[in-house]
Amino acid sequence: MSTVPDTDAGAFNRSTAQPAVPARTRPFYWSLRRELWEYRSIYIAPLVVAGIVLFGYAVRLAHLPHMVQAAESLPWWKQFLELALPFAIAMASILVTGVVVAVFYCLGALNNERRDRTILFWKSLPVSDLTAVLSKACVPLIILPVVVLAIALVTQLLMLAAGTAVLLARGTGAAPLWSHWPLGQASLLLGYLVVVGTLWYAPIYGWLLVVSAWARRMTFLWAVLVPIGLSVVEKIALDTSYVGGLIRYRLRGFLLEAFASPPHNVHAIQANGIDPLSLLTPGKFFSSPGLWVGLVVAAAFIAASVWLRRDREPI
């Protein structure tokens, strides 16, 4: 008789203990959802740029059959300029838009909640400062890159499909279009660019979060003027430019670490082209000290943002 209540009590305890595991992640999940609700530019801005790109390419489609026919007698590199350069410009525009959105998001992520005094409400909830800051850091480091990559891939597919349909309707083969912008290679290149760019810019996003948590106003000026001021002071006092060199390396260094220099045989490139995947150097990039030092610095900046948010009051 005594075993039945024990079994029921054990089952009751197990049933009540099971929701405890997902409950730990619920504050982070809803904090992340909050960012997506409040900052709709995360996906609206890349979509707007993609729409502009598609509109421009739709206008270009009227002349595309003539361009394909005229490009047949041109060298490879001129054919690329005629047929594939619009794709490259479109993808670069969407990727750059993602970086710009990430910069302004980080600058306002912790500052806006202090300016509109909503930080009082959010701090009244059972959400730690660590959870709140990590949810904000995930936007430029995870959410936004995924959104930008998805939009860029869909835009690429729509451009290729529209170009193919127009060429086939006019009786012109679509093979030159696909040969100069191969879908598989272009998609891999896009994904690689997004991954290496996001990892490389992680300390920049961390620094912007620190400024957002610390500054009372004019976050953009503080984020820019502090490193520039350090560079100027170093140049005047020591006649060196280590800070300036470090800033330049952080802004464009991933291109040096993640990609190899193209061959110097210009005539061979003009005649036969070059495989873009052959220029990727993931081994060099992921073994680069600059990458790992930058990630450590990014983690330190995020920790500093958590500490600043804990002590900051509404503006």
Protein backbone atom coordinates (compact mmCIF):
# COMPACT_ATOMS: atom_id res chain seq x y z
CA MET A 1 0.00 0.00 0.00
CA SER A 2 2.84 2.35 0.68
CA THR A 3 4.46 1.82 -2.72
CA VAL A 4 1.64 3.36 -4.74
CA PRO A 5 1.81 6.82 -3.19
CA ASP A 6 5.59 6.73 -3.49
CA THR A 7 5.31 5.94 -7.20
CA ASP A 8 2.74 8.66 -7.71
CA ALA A 9 4.85 11.14 -5.81
CA GLY A 10 7.92 10.20 -7.86
CA ALA A 11 6.00 10.56 -11.10
CA PHE A 12 4.63 13.91 -9.93
CA ASN A 13 8.10 15.15 -9.07
CA ARG A 14 9.47 14.04 -12.42
CA SER A 15 6.62 15.68 -14.31
CA THR A 16 7.06 18.94 -12.48
CA ALA A 17 10.84 18.88 -12.90
CA GLN A 18 10.79 18.36 -16.66
CA PRO A 19 9.77 21.92 -17.68
CA ALA A 20 12.64 23.34 -15.61
CA VAL A 21 15.20 22.65 -18.36
CA PRO A 22 13.48 24.57 -21.18
CA ALA A 23 12.49 27.27 -18.68
CA ARG A 24 16.16 28.21 -18.37
CA THR A 25 16.35 29.15 -22.04
CA ARG A 26 12.98 30.92 -22.16
CA PRO A 27 14.27 34.34 -20.96
CA PHE A 28 16.97 34.29 -23.62
CA TYR A 29 14.50 33.19 -26.29
CA TRP A 30 12.06 35.97 -25.50
CA SER A 31 14.87 38.51 -25.18
CA LEU A 32 15.95 37.59 -28.68
CA ARG A 33 12.37 37.81 -29.93
CA ARG A 34 12.19 41.25 -28.38
CA GLU A 35 15.15 42.43 -30.44
CA LEU A 36 13.52 41.20 -33.63
CA TRP A 37 10.27 42.96 -32.73
CA GLU A 38 11.89 46.28 -31.84
CA TYR A 39 14.52 46.44 -34.59
CA ARG A 40 12.71 45.49 -37.76
CA SER A 41 15.46 47.11 -39.83
CA ILE A 42 17.36 43.86 -39.25
CA TYR A 43 15.41 42.32 -42.12
CA ILE A 44 13.65 45.32 -43.69
CA ALA A 45 16.83 47.13 -44.78
CA PRO A 46 18.36 44.12 -46.63
CA LEU A 47 14.95 43.42 -48.22
CA VAL A 48 14.70 47.00 -49.46
CA VAL A 49 18.18 46.81 -50.98
CA ALA A 50 17.30 43.46 -52.57
CA GLY A 51 14.16 45.02 -54.04
CA ILE A 52 16.18 47.90 -55.52
CA VAL A 53 18.66 45.41 -56.96
CA LEU A 54 15.90 43.33 -58.55
CA PHE A 55 14.27 46.43 -60.01
CA GLY A 56 17.56 47.52 -61.58
CA TYR A 57 18.15 44.06 -62.99
CA ALA A 58 14.59 43.95 -64.36
CA VAL A 59 15.40 47.08 -66.37
CA ARG A 60 18.63 45.49 -67.55
CA LEU A 61 16.77 42.38 -68.78
CA ALA A 62 15.47 44.30 -71.78
CA HIS A 63 19.01 44.48 -73.14
CA LEU A 64 20.29 41.14 -71.80
CA PRO A 65 19.86 39.05 -75.02
CA HIS A 66 21.80 41.62 -77.02
CA MET A 67 24.51 41.71 -74.33
CA VAL A 68 24.88 37.92 -74.41
CA GLN A 69 25.19 37.85 -78.18
CA ALA A 70 27.68 40.73 -78.22
CA ALA A 71 29.75 39.18 -75.42
CA GLU A 72 30.43 35.97 -77.35
CA SER A 73 33.24 37.62 -79.30
CA LEU A 74 34.80 39.30 -76.27
CA PRO A 75 37.58 38.02 -73.97
CA TRP A 76 36.55 36.22 -70.81
CA TRP A 77 37.05 39.15 -68.48
CA LYS A 78 34.92 41.45 -70.64
CA GLN A 79 32.22 38.79 -70.77
CA PHE A 80 32.31 38.70 -66.98
CA LEU A 81 31.86 42.47 -66.81
CA GLU A 82 28.87 42.26 -69.13
CA LEU A 83 27.10 39.25 -67.60
CA ALA A 84 28.27 38.59 -64.04
CA LEU A 85 29.25 41.99 -62.66
CA PRO A 86 25.61 42.92 -61.87
CA PHE A 87 25.37 39.79 -59.69
CA ALA A 88 28.57 40.69 -57.86
CA ILE A 89 27.38 44.26 -57.27
CA ALA A 90 24.00 43.02 -56.05
CA MET A 91 25.50 40.56 -53.57
CA ALA A 92 28.03 43.11 -52.33
CA SER A 93 25.29 45.70 -51.82
CA ILE A 94 23.26 43.32 -49.64
CA LEU A 95 26.32 42.25 -47.62
CA VAL A 96 27.44 45.84 -47.02
CA THR A 97 23.89 46.73 -45.99
CA GLY A 98 24.06 43.97 -43.39
CA VAL A 99 27.28 45.41 -41.96
CA VAL A 100 25.79 48.93 -41.81
CA VAL A 101 22.65 47.66 -40.08
CA ALA A 102 24.80 45.72 -37.59
CA VAL A 103 26.84 48.84 -36.77
CA PHE A 104 23.83 51.06 -36.08
CA TYR A 105 22.01 48.29 -34.25
CA CYS A 106 24.94 47.83 -31.85
CA LEU A 107 25.19 51.58 -31.28
CA GLY A 108 21.55 51.77 -30.24
CA ALA A 109 21.03 48.36 -28.65
CA LEU A 110 21.89 49.39 -25.08
CA ASN A 111 21.60 53.15 -25.41
CA ASN A 112 18.03 53.33 -26.68
CA GLU A 113 16.58 51.45 -23.73
CA ARG A 114 18.19 53.98 -21.41
CA ARG A 115 16.99 56.96 -23.42
CA ASP A 116 13.36 55.84 -23.60
CA ARG A 117 13.58 54.56 -19.99
CA THR A 118 12.32 51.09 -20.91
CA ILE A 119 15.36 49.72 -19.12
CA LEU A 120 13.37 50.15 -15.89
CA PHE A 121 10.73 47.77 -17.19
CA TRP A 122 13.17 45.21 -18.57
CA LYS A 123 15.19 45.19 -15.37
CA SER A 124 12.03 44.50 -13.41
CA LEU A 125 11.66 41.20 -15.27
CA PRO A 126 13.51 38.01 -14.24
CA VAL A 127 16.07 38.49 -17.00
CA SER A 128 19.72 38.90 -16.06
CA ASP A 129 21.98 41.52 -17.61
CA LEU A 130 24.05 38.70 -19.10
CA THR A 131 21.00 37.27 -20.87
CA ALA A 132 19.94 40.68 -22.13
CA VAL A 133 23.38 41.58 -23.52
CA LEU A 134 23.97 38.15 -25.05
CA SER A 135 20.63 38.34 -26.85
CA LYS A 136 21.67 41.68 -28.29
CA ALA A 137 25.13 40.38 -29.25
CA CYS A 138 23.52 37.46 -31.09
CA VAL A 139 21.82 39.83 -33.52
CA PRO A 140 24.96 41.08 -35.35
CA LEU A 141 26.86 37.82 -34.78
CA ILE A 142 24.19 35.24 -35.71
CA ILE A 143 20.73 36.55 -36.66
CA LEU A 144 21.71 39.31 -39.06
CA PRO A 145 24.32 37.24 -40.97
CA VAL A 146 21.76 34.46 -41.48
CA VAL A 147 19.12 36.95 -42.65
CA VAL A 148 21.54 38.69 -45.03
CA LEU A 149 22.81 35.40 -46.45
CA ALA A 150 19.28 34.10 -47.03
CA ILE A 151 18.19 37.31 -48.77
CA ALA A 152 21.34 37.38 -50.91
CA LEU A 153 20.87 33.76 -51.99
CA VAL A 154 17.19 34.29 -52.87
CA THR A 155 18.05 37.48 -54.77
CA GLN A 156 20.72 35.61 -56.72
CA LEU A 157 18.25 32.86 -57.61
CA LEU A 158 15.61 35.35 -58.74
CA MET A 159 18.11 37.20 -60.93
CA LEU A 160 19.31 33.98 -62.52
CA ALA A 161 15.76 32.72 -63.06
CA ALA A 162 14.62 36.01 -64.60
CA GLY A 163 17.68 36.20 -66.86
CA THR A 164 17.26 32.60 -67.96
CA ALA A 165 13.56 33.10 -68.72
CA VAL A 166 14.25 36.20 -70.82
CA LEU A 167 17.08 34.55 -72.76
CA LEU A 168 15.05 31.43 -73.48
CA ALA A 169 12.04 33.49 -74.55
CA ARG A 170 14.23 35.41 -77.01
CA GLY A 171 15.76 32.21 -78.36
CA THR A 172 19.18 32.89 -76.86
CA GLY A 173 20.93 30.23 -74.80
CA ALA A 174 21.31 30.92 -71.09
CA ALA A 175 24.54 28.95 -70.76
CA PRO A 176 26.83 32.04 -70.81
CA LEU A 177 24.90 33.54 -67.92
CA TRP A 178 25.25 30.43 -65.75
CA SER A 179 28.87 29.83 -66.73
CA HIS A 180 29.94 33.31 -65.66
CA TRP A 181 27.91 33.17 -62.43
CA PRO A 182 27.84 29.47 -61.41
CA LEU A 183 25.19 29.03 -58.75
CA GLY A 184 27.04 26.52 -56.58
CA GLN A 185 30.33 28.37 -56.46
CA ALA A 186 28.64 31.73 -55.95
CA SER A 187 26.58 30.37 -53.05
CA LEU A 188 29.64 28.87 -51.35
CA LEU A 189 31.52 32.12 -51.82
CA LEU A 190 28.64 34.11 -50.31
CA GLY A 191 28.43 31.83 -47.29
CA TYR A 192 32.19 31.97 -46.78
CA LEU A 193 32.19 35.78 -46.99
CA VAL A 194 29.42 36.08 -44.42
CA VAL A 195 31.11 33.71 -41.96
CA VAL A 196 34.61 35.17 -42.14
CA GLY A 197 33.36 38.75 -42.19
CA THR A 198 31.16 38.24 -39.13
CA LEU A 199 33.90 36.55 -37.13
CA TRP A 200 36.45 39.17 -38.09
CA TYR A 201 34.19 42.10 -37.20
CA ALA A 202 33.13 40.58 -33.85
CA PRO A 203 35.44 42.87 -31.80
CA ILE A 204 34.08 45.90 -33.66
CA TYR A 205 30.53 44.92 -32.76
CA GLY A 206 31.66 44.32 -29.17
CA TRP A 207 33.24 47.78 -29.00
CA LEU A 208 30.05 49.37 -30.33
CA LEU A 209 28.02 47.59 -27.64
CA VAL A 210 30.37 48.97 -24.99
CA VAL A 211 29.91 52.49 -26.34
CA SER A 212 26.15 51.95 -26.48
CA ALA A 213 26.13 50.92 -22.81
CA TRP A 214 28.48 53.69 -21.65
CA ALA A 215 27.71 56.84 -23.65
CA ARG A 216 24.76 59.03 -22.77
CA ARG A 217 24.33 60.37 -26.30
CA MET A 218 26.14 60.67 -29.64
CA THR A 219 27.19 57.04 -29.61
CA PHE A 220 28.43 57.13 -33.20
CA LEU A 221 30.80 60.01 -32.48
CA TRP A 222 32.17 58.33 -29.36
CA ALA A 223 32.67 55.05 -31.22
CA VAL A 224 34.62 56.77 -33.98
CA LEU A 225 36.41 59.57 -32.16
CA VAL A 226 37.98 57.42 -29.42
CA PRO A 227 40.07 55.23 -31.78
CA ILE A 228 40.84 58.20 -34.02
CA GLY A 229 41.90 60.25 -31.02
CA LEU A 230 44.16 57.46 -29.78
CA SER A 231 45.74 57.25 -33.23
CA VAL A 232 46.34 61.00 -33.36
CA VAL A 233 47.81 61.13 -29.84
CA GLU A 234 50.13 58.22 -30.63
CA LYS A 235 51.31 59.88 -33.83
CA ILE A 236 51.99 63.21 -32.11
CA ALA A 237 53.57 61.80 -28.95
CA LEU A 238 55.52 58.82 -30.30
CA ASP A 239 55.59 59.39 -34.05
CA THR A 240 54.25 55.85 -34.59
CA SER A 241 51.04 54.56 -36.13
CA TYR A 242 50.36 51.22 -34.45
CA VAL A 243 46.79 52.15 -33.51
CA GLY A 244 46.02 53.32 -37.04
CA GLY A 245 47.55 50.18 -38.50
CA LEU A 246 45.54 48.02 -36.09
CA ILE A 247 42.31 49.78 -37.09
CA ARG A 248 43.04 49.32 -40.80
CA TYR A 249 43.93 45.68 -40.24
CA ARG A 250 40.68 45.06 -38.36
CA LEU A 251 38.59 46.74 -41.05
CA ARG A 252 40.03 44.93 -44.07
CA GLY A 253 42.35 42.27 -42.70
CA PHE A 254 39.91 39.42 -43.32
CA LEU A 255 40.42 39.91 -47.06
CA LEU A 256 44.14 39.27 -46.58
CA GLU A 257 43.68 36.29 -44.27
CA ALA A 258 40.67 34.59 -45.89
CA PHE A 259 41.64 34.97 -49.56
CA ALA A 260 44.78 34.29 -51.55
CA SER A 261 46.19 36.74 -54.05
CA PRO A 262 45.11 35.97 -57.65
CA PRO A 263 47.76 34.68 -60.05
CA HIS A 264 49.94 37.23 -61.76
CA ASN A 265 49.44 35.72 -65.20
CA VAL A 266 47.03 38.40 -66.43
CA HIS A 267 46.80 37.02 -69.97
CA ALA A 268 45.78 33.56 -68.73
CA ILE A 269 43.11 35.10 -66.49
CA GLN A 270 41.74 37.21 -69.32
CA ALA A 271 41.55 34.19 -71.60
CA ASN A 272 40.29 31.46 -69.29
CA GLY A 273 39.06 33.17 -66.13
CA ILE A 274 39.79 31.96 -62.62
CA ASP A 275 37.99 29.69 -60.22
CA PRO A 276 36.91 31.90 -57.28
CA LEU A 277 36.93 28.96 -54.88
CA SER A 278 40.63 28.47 -55.56
CA LEU A 279 41.26 31.83 -53.87
CA LEU A 280 39.68 30.80 -50.56
CA THR A 281 42.13 30.10 -47.73
CA PRO A 282 40.03 28.94 -44.76
CA GLY A 283 43.00 27.20 -43.16
CA LYS A 284 45.00 30.41 -43.11
CA PHE A 285 42.03 32.40 -41.83
CA PHE A 286 41.07 30.09 -38.97
CA SER A 287 44.70 29.77 -37.87
CA SER A 288 45.26 33.52 -37.97
CA PRO A 289 46.21 35.07 -34.59
CA GLY A 290 44.25 38.16 -35.59
CA LEU A 291 41.02 36.15 -35.67
CA TRP A 292 41.42 34.55 -32.23
CA VAL A 293 42.77 37.66 -30.55
CA GLY A 294 39.81 39.54 -31.99
CA LEU A 295 37.36 36.98 -30.63
CA VAL A 296 38.92 37.22 -27.17
CA VAL A 297 38.66 41.01 -27.34
CA ALA A 298 35.04 40.70 -28.47
CA ALA A 299 34.27 38.48 -25.45
CA ALA A 300 35.92 41.05 -23.17
CA PHE A 301 33.87 43.85 -24.71
CA ILE A 302 30.64 41.86 -24.24
CA ALA A 303 31.57 41.22 -20.59
CA ALA A 304 32.20 44.96 -20.16
CA SER A 305 28.81 45.69 -21.70
CA VAL A 306 27.14 43.39 -19.16
CA TRP A 307 28.91 45.16 -16.31
CA LEU A 308 28.00 48.61 -17.65
CA ARG A 309 24.36 47.70 -18.16
CA ARG A 310 24.13 46.47 -14.59
CA ASP A 311 25.13 49.87 -13.19
CA ARG A 312 23.66 52.25 -15.77
CA GLU A 313 20.55 54.27 -15.09
CA PRO A 314 18.06 55.84 -17.54
CA ILE A 315 19.25 58.97 -19.30
